[in-house]
N, C-alpha and C. Protein backbone atom coordinates (compact mmCIF):
# COMPACT_ATOMS: atom_id res chain seq x y z
N MET A 1 74.00 -178.14 13.63
CA MET A 1 74.67 -176.84 13.71
C MET A 1 73.74 -175.85 14.41
N HIS A 2 74.26 -175.15 15.41
CA HIS A 2 73.48 -174.20 16.20
C HIS A 2 73.61 -172.81 15.57
N ASP A 3 72.46 -172.14 15.36
CA ASP A 3 72.46 -170.80 14.80
C ASP A 3 72.61 -169.79 15.92
N THR A 4 73.68 -169.02 15.91
CA THR A 4 73.93 -168.04 16.96
C THR A 4 73.46 -166.64 16.56
N HIS A 5 72.86 -166.51 15.42
CA HIS A 5 72.41 -165.19 14.97
C HIS A 5 71.24 -164.71 15.82
N ASP A 6 71.32 -163.47 16.23
CA ASP A 6 70.33 -162.87 17.12
C ASP A 6 69.25 -162.20 16.27
N THR A 7 68.02 -162.63 16.45
CA THR A 7 66.92 -162.03 15.68
C THR A 7 66.30 -160.83 16.38
N HIS A 8 66.64 -160.58 17.65
CA HIS A 8 66.05 -159.44 18.36
C HIS A 8 66.36 -158.11 17.67
N ILE A 9 67.54 -158.01 17.08
CA ILE A 9 67.92 -156.77 16.40
C ILE A 9 67.10 -156.56 15.12
N LEU A 10 66.50 -157.63 14.62
CA LEU A 10 65.71 -157.50 13.39
C LEU A 10 64.31 -156.94 13.65
N LEU A 11 63.80 -157.05 14.86
CA LEU A 11 62.45 -156.55 15.13
C LEU A 11 62.34 -155.04 14.90
N PRO A 12 63.28 -154.22 15.41
CA PRO A 12 63.19 -152.79 15.09
C PRO A 12 63.38 -152.51 13.60
N VAL A 13 64.16 -153.34 12.93
CA VAL A 13 64.34 -153.17 11.48
C VAL A 13 63.00 -153.34 10.77
N PHE A 14 62.27 -154.41 11.11
CA PHE A 14 60.96 -154.63 10.51
C PHE A 14 59.98 -153.53 10.90
N ALA A 15 60.09 -153.05 12.13
CA ALA A 15 59.19 -151.98 12.58
C ALA A 15 59.41 -150.70 11.77
N LEU A 16 60.67 -150.31 11.57
CA LEU A 16 60.94 -149.09 10.80
C LEU A 16 60.57 -149.28 9.33
N ALA A 17 60.83 -150.46 8.79
CA ALA A 17 60.43 -150.73 7.41
C ALA A 17 58.91 -150.66 7.28
N GLY A 18 58.19 -151.19 8.26
CA GLY A 18 56.73 -151.12 8.25
C GLY A 18 56.23 -149.70 8.33
N TRP A 19 56.85 -148.89 9.21
CA TRP A 19 56.48 -147.48 9.31
C TRP A 19 56.72 -146.76 7.98
N THR A 20 57.86 -147.05 7.36
CA THR A 20 58.18 -146.44 6.08
C THR A 20 57.13 -146.81 5.03
N ALA A 21 56.68 -148.04 5.05
CA ALA A 21 55.63 -148.48 4.12
C ALA A 21 54.32 -147.74 4.38
N LEU A 22 54.00 -147.51 5.64
CA LEU A 22 52.77 -146.76 5.96
C LEU A 22 52.84 -145.33 5.43
N VAL A 23 54.00 -144.70 5.60
CA VAL A 23 54.17 -143.34 5.08
C VAL A 23 54.08 -143.36 3.55
N LEU A 24 54.65 -144.38 2.92
CA LEU A 24 54.55 -144.52 1.47
C LEU A 24 53.09 -144.60 1.03
N LEU A 25 52.28 -145.35 1.76
CA LEU A 25 50.86 -145.48 1.42
C LEU A 25 50.09 -144.18 1.60
N LEU A 26 50.61 -143.30 2.43
CA LEU A 26 49.97 -142.01 2.64
C LEU A 26 50.10 -141.10 1.41
N ILE A 27 51.17 -141.26 0.65
CA ILE A 27 51.43 -140.40 -0.51
C ILE A 27 50.29 -140.46 -1.53
N PRO A 28 49.91 -141.63 -2.05
CA PRO A 28 48.82 -141.63 -3.03
C PRO A 28 47.49 -141.17 -2.44
N PHE A 29 47.26 -141.46 -1.17
CA PHE A 29 46.03 -141.01 -0.52
C PHE A 29 45.94 -139.49 -0.57
N VAL A 30 47.00 -138.81 -0.16
CA VAL A 30 47.03 -137.35 -0.14
C VAL A 30 46.95 -136.79 -1.56
N ARG A 31 47.65 -137.41 -2.49
CA ARG A 31 47.65 -136.91 -3.88
C ARG A 31 46.29 -137.09 -4.54
N VAL A 32 45.66 -138.23 -4.34
CA VAL A 32 44.33 -138.46 -4.94
C VAL A 32 43.33 -137.48 -4.35
N ARG A 33 43.38 -137.30 -3.04
CA ARG A 33 42.47 -136.35 -2.40
C ARG A 33 42.69 -134.94 -2.95
N ALA A 34 43.94 -134.54 -3.12
CA ALA A 34 44.24 -133.22 -3.66
C ALA A 34 43.78 -133.11 -5.11
N GLY A 35 43.92 -134.19 -5.86
CA GLY A 35 43.46 -134.20 -7.24
C GLY A 35 41.95 -134.04 -7.33
N ARG A 36 41.24 -134.74 -6.47
CA ARG A 36 39.77 -134.62 -6.44
C ARG A 36 39.33 -133.21 -6.05
N ARG A 37 40.13 -132.55 -5.25
CA ARG A 37 39.82 -131.17 -4.85
C ARG A 37 40.33 -130.15 -5.87
N ARG A 38 40.93 -130.66 -6.93
CA ARG A 38 41.50 -129.84 -8.00
C ARG A 38 42.62 -128.90 -7.52
N GLU A 39 43.34 -129.38 -6.52
CA GLU A 39 44.50 -128.64 -6.03
C GLU A 39 45.74 -128.95 -6.87
N ILE A 40 45.72 -130.09 -7.55
CA ILE A 40 46.84 -130.52 -8.38
C ILE A 40 46.31 -131.16 -9.65
N VAL A 41 47.19 -131.27 -10.63
CA VAL A 41 46.90 -132.00 -11.87
C VAL A 41 48.06 -132.96 -12.12
N PRO A 42 47.85 -134.01 -12.89
CA PRO A 42 48.93 -134.99 -13.11
C PRO A 42 50.24 -134.37 -13.61
N ASP A 43 50.18 -133.36 -14.46
CA ASP A 43 51.42 -132.77 -14.97
C ASP A 43 52.25 -132.08 -13.89
N ASP A 44 51.65 -131.84 -12.73
CA ASP A 44 52.42 -131.26 -11.62
C ASP A 44 53.52 -132.21 -11.15
N PHE A 45 53.43 -133.47 -11.55
CA PHE A 45 54.39 -134.49 -11.13
C PHE A 45 55.23 -135.02 -12.30
N LYS A 46 55.15 -134.33 -13.42
CA LYS A 46 55.83 -134.80 -14.63
C LYS A 46 57.34 -134.98 -14.42
N TYR A 47 57.95 -134.07 -13.69
CA TYR A 47 59.40 -134.13 -13.43
C TYR A 47 59.69 -134.19 -11.93
N GLY A 48 58.83 -134.83 -11.19
CA GLY A 48 58.89 -134.81 -9.73
C GLY A 48 57.80 -133.87 -9.25
N GLU A 49 57.92 -133.38 -8.08
CA GLU A 49 56.91 -132.46 -7.58
C GLU A 49 57.27 -131.03 -8.00
N SER A 50 56.38 -130.42 -8.74
CA SER A 50 56.63 -129.05 -9.20
C SER A 50 56.26 -128.06 -8.10
N ALA A 51 56.58 -126.81 -8.35
CA ALA A 51 56.26 -125.74 -7.40
C ALA A 51 54.75 -125.56 -7.26
N ALA A 52 53.98 -126.09 -8.21
CA ALA A 52 52.51 -125.97 -8.16
C ALA A 52 51.89 -126.91 -7.12
N VAL A 53 52.65 -127.89 -6.64
CA VAL A 53 52.12 -128.85 -5.67
C VAL A 53 52.11 -128.17 -4.29
N PRO A 54 50.93 -128.09 -3.67
CA PRO A 54 50.84 -127.44 -2.35
C PRO A 54 51.68 -128.16 -1.30
N PRO A 55 52.20 -127.42 -0.32
CA PRO A 55 53.05 -128.03 0.72
C PRO A 55 52.40 -129.22 1.43
N HIS A 56 51.10 -129.17 1.71
CA HIS A 56 50.47 -130.29 2.43
C HIS A 56 50.43 -131.56 1.58
N VAL A 57 50.55 -131.40 0.27
CA VAL A 57 50.60 -132.57 -0.61
C VAL A 57 52.05 -133.07 -0.73
N GLN A 58 53.01 -132.17 -0.65
CA GLN A 58 54.42 -132.54 -0.72
C GLN A 58 54.91 -133.24 0.54
N LEU A 59 54.31 -132.92 1.66
CA LEU A 59 54.81 -133.37 2.96
C LEU A 59 54.98 -134.88 3.11
N PRO A 60 53.99 -135.70 2.78
CA PRO A 60 54.21 -137.15 2.94
C PRO A 60 55.37 -137.67 2.08
N ASN A 61 55.51 -137.15 0.86
CA ASN A 61 56.61 -137.57 0.00
C ASN A 61 57.95 -137.16 0.59
N ARG A 62 58.02 -135.96 1.13
CA ARG A 62 59.27 -135.48 1.74
C ARG A 62 59.61 -136.35 2.97
N ASN A 63 58.61 -136.68 3.77
CA ASN A 63 58.86 -137.51 4.93
C ASN A 63 59.30 -138.91 4.52
N TYR A 64 58.67 -139.44 3.49
CA TYR A 64 59.05 -140.76 2.97
C TYR A 64 60.51 -140.74 2.50
N MET A 65 60.90 -139.72 1.76
CA MET A 65 62.28 -139.63 1.28
C MET A 65 63.24 -139.55 2.47
N ASN A 66 62.83 -138.82 3.51
CA ASN A 66 63.65 -138.70 4.71
C ASN A 66 63.83 -140.06 5.39
N LEU A 67 62.80 -140.91 5.32
CA LEU A 67 62.88 -142.24 5.91
C LEU A 67 63.76 -143.19 5.08
N LEU A 68 64.19 -142.74 3.92
CA LEU A 68 65.07 -143.56 3.08
C LEU A 68 66.50 -143.02 3.05
N GLU A 69 66.77 -141.97 3.81
CA GLU A 69 68.10 -141.37 3.80
C GLU A 69 68.95 -141.94 4.93
N LEU A 70 69.03 -141.29 6.07
CA LEU A 70 69.86 -141.78 7.18
C LEU A 70 69.46 -143.15 7.71
N PRO A 71 68.18 -143.51 7.69
CA PRO A 71 67.85 -144.86 8.16
C PRO A 71 68.58 -145.98 7.42
N VAL A 72 69.11 -145.72 6.24
CA VAL A 72 69.90 -146.74 5.55
C VAL A 72 71.06 -147.17 6.44
N LEU A 73 71.66 -146.22 7.15
CA LEU A 73 72.76 -146.56 8.06
C LEU A 73 72.27 -147.40 9.24
N PHE A 74 71.04 -147.17 9.66
CA PHE A 74 70.43 -148.00 10.71
C PHE A 74 70.25 -149.43 10.21
N TYR A 75 69.74 -149.57 8.99
CA TYR A 75 69.55 -150.91 8.44
C TYR A 75 70.88 -151.64 8.30
N VAL A 76 71.90 -150.93 7.83
CA VAL A 76 73.21 -151.55 7.63
C VAL A 76 73.79 -152.04 8.96
N ILE A 77 73.80 -151.19 9.98
CA ILE A 77 74.41 -151.61 11.25
C ILE A 77 73.60 -152.73 11.89
N SER A 78 72.29 -152.69 11.73
CA SER A 78 71.46 -153.76 12.30
C SER A 78 71.75 -155.10 11.63
N ILE A 79 71.90 -155.09 10.33
CA ILE A 79 72.21 -156.33 9.60
C ILE A 79 73.62 -156.82 9.96
N LEU A 80 74.57 -155.89 10.06
CA LEU A 80 75.92 -156.28 10.46
C LEU A 80 75.91 -156.94 11.84
N LEU A 81 75.15 -156.36 12.76
CA LEU A 81 75.05 -156.96 14.08
C LEU A 81 74.38 -158.33 14.03
N HIS A 82 73.32 -158.43 13.24
CA HIS A 82 72.61 -159.70 13.14
C HIS A 82 73.50 -160.82 12.64
N VAL A 83 74.26 -160.56 11.61
CA VAL A 83 75.07 -161.64 11.03
C VAL A 83 76.33 -161.94 11.85
N SER A 84 76.64 -161.06 12.79
CA SER A 84 77.87 -161.26 13.56
C SER A 84 77.67 -162.13 14.80
N GLY A 85 76.44 -162.46 15.13
CA GLY A 85 76.21 -163.30 16.30
C GLY A 85 75.38 -162.58 17.34
N PRO A 86 75.48 -163.00 18.59
CA PRO A 86 74.65 -162.40 19.64
C PRO A 86 74.86 -160.88 19.74
N VAL A 87 73.75 -160.17 19.88
CA VAL A 87 73.77 -158.70 19.93
C VAL A 87 73.51 -158.27 21.38
N PRO A 88 74.36 -157.39 21.91
CA PRO A 88 74.13 -156.91 23.28
C PRO A 88 72.77 -156.22 23.40
N GLY A 89 72.12 -156.42 24.54
CA GLY A 89 70.81 -155.84 24.78
C GLY A 89 70.79 -154.32 24.63
N LEU A 90 71.89 -153.66 25.00
CA LEU A 90 71.96 -152.21 24.86
C LEU A 90 71.79 -151.79 23.41
N LEU A 91 72.39 -152.53 22.49
CA LEU A 91 72.26 -152.18 21.08
C LEU A 91 70.85 -152.42 20.57
N VAL A 92 70.20 -153.46 21.07
CA VAL A 92 68.79 -153.69 20.69
C VAL A 92 67.93 -152.55 21.23
N ALA A 93 68.18 -152.14 22.47
CA ALA A 93 67.43 -151.03 23.06
C ALA A 93 67.66 -149.73 22.28
N LEU A 94 68.89 -149.49 21.87
CA LEU A 94 69.18 -148.30 21.06
C LEU A 94 68.47 -148.38 19.71
N ALA A 95 68.41 -149.57 19.13
CA ALA A 95 67.71 -149.74 17.85
C ALA A 95 66.24 -149.37 18.01
N TRP A 96 65.62 -149.84 19.09
CA TRP A 96 64.21 -149.49 19.34
C TRP A 96 64.06 -147.99 19.60
N SER A 97 65.03 -147.40 20.29
CA SER A 97 64.99 -145.95 20.52
C SER A 97 65.06 -145.20 19.21
N TYR A 98 65.92 -145.66 18.32
CA TYR A 98 66.05 -145.03 17.01
C TYR A 98 64.72 -145.09 16.26
N VAL A 99 64.11 -146.25 16.25
CA VAL A 99 62.82 -146.40 15.56
C VAL A 99 61.78 -145.47 16.18
N GLY A 100 61.71 -145.45 17.50
CA GLY A 100 60.75 -144.59 18.17
C GLY A 100 60.95 -143.12 17.82
N LEU A 101 62.19 -142.69 17.79
CA LEU A 101 62.49 -141.29 17.46
C LEU A 101 62.17 -140.97 16.00
N ARG A 102 62.39 -141.94 15.10
CA ARG A 102 62.06 -141.71 13.69
C ARG A 102 60.55 -141.64 13.50
N VAL A 103 59.81 -142.49 14.21
CA VAL A 103 58.35 -142.43 14.14
C VAL A 103 57.87 -141.10 14.72
N LEU A 104 58.43 -140.69 15.84
CA LEU A 104 58.06 -139.40 16.42
C LEU A 104 58.34 -138.27 15.45
N HIS A 105 59.51 -138.30 14.82
CA HIS A 105 59.85 -137.28 13.81
C HIS A 105 58.79 -137.24 12.72
N SER A 106 58.41 -138.40 12.22
CA SER A 106 57.39 -138.46 11.16
C SER A 106 56.05 -137.91 11.65
N LEU A 107 55.65 -138.31 12.85
CA LEU A 107 54.36 -137.85 13.38
C LEU A 107 54.33 -136.33 13.51
N ILE A 108 55.43 -135.76 13.99
CA ILE A 108 55.51 -134.30 14.08
C ILE A 108 55.46 -133.69 12.69
N HIS A 109 56.27 -134.22 11.79
CA HIS A 109 56.36 -133.71 10.42
C HIS A 109 55.02 -133.76 9.69
N LEU A 110 54.31 -134.86 9.88
CA LEU A 110 53.06 -135.06 9.14
C LEU A 110 51.83 -134.47 9.83
N SER A 111 52.01 -133.94 11.02
CA SER A 111 50.85 -133.37 11.72
C SER A 111 51.05 -131.87 11.92
N TYR A 112 51.46 -131.45 13.09
CA TYR A 112 51.53 -130.01 13.36
C TYR A 112 52.83 -129.38 12.86
N ASN A 113 53.83 -130.17 12.54
CA ASN A 113 55.05 -129.76 11.86
C ASN A 113 55.77 -128.57 12.51
N HIS A 114 55.93 -128.63 13.81
CA HIS A 114 56.71 -127.60 14.51
C HIS A 114 58.18 -127.90 14.26
N VAL A 115 58.87 -126.96 13.64
CA VAL A 115 60.24 -127.21 13.17
C VAL A 115 61.19 -127.56 14.31
N ILE A 116 61.10 -126.85 15.42
CA ILE A 116 62.03 -127.12 16.53
C ILE A 116 61.75 -128.50 17.15
N HIS A 117 60.50 -128.88 17.29
CA HIS A 117 60.17 -130.21 17.81
C HIS A 117 60.67 -131.29 16.84
N ARG A 118 60.45 -131.04 15.57
CA ARG A 118 60.89 -132.00 14.55
C ARG A 118 62.41 -132.12 14.56
N LEU A 119 63.09 -130.99 14.66
CA LEU A 119 64.55 -130.98 14.71
C LEU A 119 65.06 -131.74 15.93
N ALA A 120 64.41 -131.56 17.07
CA ALA A 120 64.83 -132.25 18.29
C ALA A 120 64.73 -133.77 18.11
N ALA A 121 63.63 -134.23 17.55
CA ALA A 121 63.47 -135.68 17.32
C ALA A 121 64.50 -136.18 16.31
N PHE A 122 64.72 -135.41 15.26
CA PHE A 122 65.68 -135.78 14.22
C PHE A 122 67.09 -135.84 14.79
N ALA A 123 67.48 -134.79 15.54
CA ALA A 123 68.82 -134.74 16.12
C ALA A 123 69.02 -135.88 17.11
N ALA A 124 68.02 -136.12 17.95
CA ALA A 124 68.13 -137.22 18.93
C ALA A 124 68.29 -138.56 18.22
N SER A 125 67.55 -138.76 17.13
CA SER A 125 67.68 -140.03 16.40
C SER A 125 69.08 -140.17 15.81
N ASN A 126 69.66 -139.06 15.37
CA ASN A 126 71.01 -139.12 14.80
C ASN A 126 72.06 -139.42 15.88
N VAL A 127 71.86 -138.87 17.08
CA VAL A 127 72.77 -139.18 18.19
C VAL A 127 72.69 -140.67 18.51
N VAL A 128 71.48 -141.22 18.54
CA VAL A 128 71.30 -142.65 18.81
C VAL A 128 71.97 -143.48 17.70
N LEU A 129 71.82 -143.06 16.47
CA LEU A 129 72.42 -143.79 15.35
C LEU A 129 73.95 -143.79 15.43
N VAL A 130 74.54 -142.64 15.72
CA VAL A 130 75.99 -142.57 15.88
C VAL A 130 76.44 -143.45 17.04
N LEU A 131 75.71 -143.40 18.14
CA LEU A 131 76.02 -144.23 19.30
C LEU A 131 75.95 -145.71 18.94
N MET A 132 74.94 -146.08 18.16
CA MET A 132 74.83 -147.47 17.71
C MET A 132 76.08 -147.88 16.93
N TRP A 133 76.52 -147.03 16.01
CA TRP A 133 77.69 -147.36 15.20
C TRP A 133 78.95 -147.47 16.06
N VAL A 134 79.12 -146.54 17.00
CA VAL A 134 80.31 -146.58 17.86
C VAL A 134 80.30 -147.83 18.72
N LEU A 135 79.17 -148.10 19.38
CA LEU A 135 79.10 -149.27 20.26
C LEU A 135 79.17 -150.58 19.47
N ALA A 136 78.54 -150.60 18.30
CA ALA A 136 78.61 -151.80 17.45
C ALA A 136 80.04 -152.03 16.99
N GLY A 137 80.73 -150.96 16.63
CA GLY A 137 82.13 -151.10 16.22
C GLY A 137 82.98 -151.64 17.35
N MET A 138 82.78 -151.10 18.55
CA MET A 138 83.53 -151.60 19.71
C MET A 138 83.19 -153.07 19.98
N HIS A 139 81.90 -153.40 19.88
CA HIS A 139 81.48 -154.78 20.11
C HIS A 139 82.06 -155.72 19.06
N LEU A 140 81.93 -155.36 17.81
CA LEU A 140 82.39 -156.24 16.73
C LEU A 140 83.91 -156.36 16.71
N LEU A 141 84.61 -155.26 16.89
CA LEU A 141 86.07 -155.31 16.89
C LEU A 141 86.57 -155.99 18.16
N GLY A 142 85.89 -155.76 19.27
CA GLY A 142 86.27 -156.43 20.52
C GLY A 142 86.04 -157.92 20.45
N ALA A 143 84.96 -158.32 19.82
CA ALA A 143 84.65 -159.76 19.66
C ALA A 143 85.70 -160.41 18.77
N ARG A 144 86.13 -159.69 17.75
CA ARG A 144 87.14 -160.22 16.82
C ARG A 144 88.50 -160.33 17.52
N ALA A 145 88.81 -159.32 18.31
CA ALA A 145 90.11 -159.33 19.01
C ALA A 145 90.16 -160.45 20.05
N GLY A 146 88.99 -160.77 20.62
CA GLY A 146 88.93 -161.81 21.63
C GLY A 146 88.91 -163.22 21.07
N SER A 147 88.78 -163.36 19.74
CA SER A 147 88.71 -164.72 19.18
C SER A 147 90.03 -165.24 18.69
């Protein structure tokens, strides 16, 4: 039996999951450093992040949460494409574009945090995600209609 499932679409999935894991690892690093500097105490996190937690300590957690929101739709469409058979190169390219824009968004957010730059990367990633869904829908429904 020949496996027709395309693994190329999975590479950006693993890349974004890896990036998300790196941002997750940044959270304890920032919190421990802030604790050593006496900027925070453990009770500041008793019910989540309290108002006592400085913004620079909140930032990695906020970025991590952001990487678990809309990217869920990226993971879903990528898996749907993977299990449906060969994936058009355009959709793989869009998947990589999405990952690149999400990484760019994170880098802006976690560094100089210019709101307009961050918004531009975020908005562009959302346009790519919507385009992925539209093109994937056309591809999947077209493939079904042709069979």
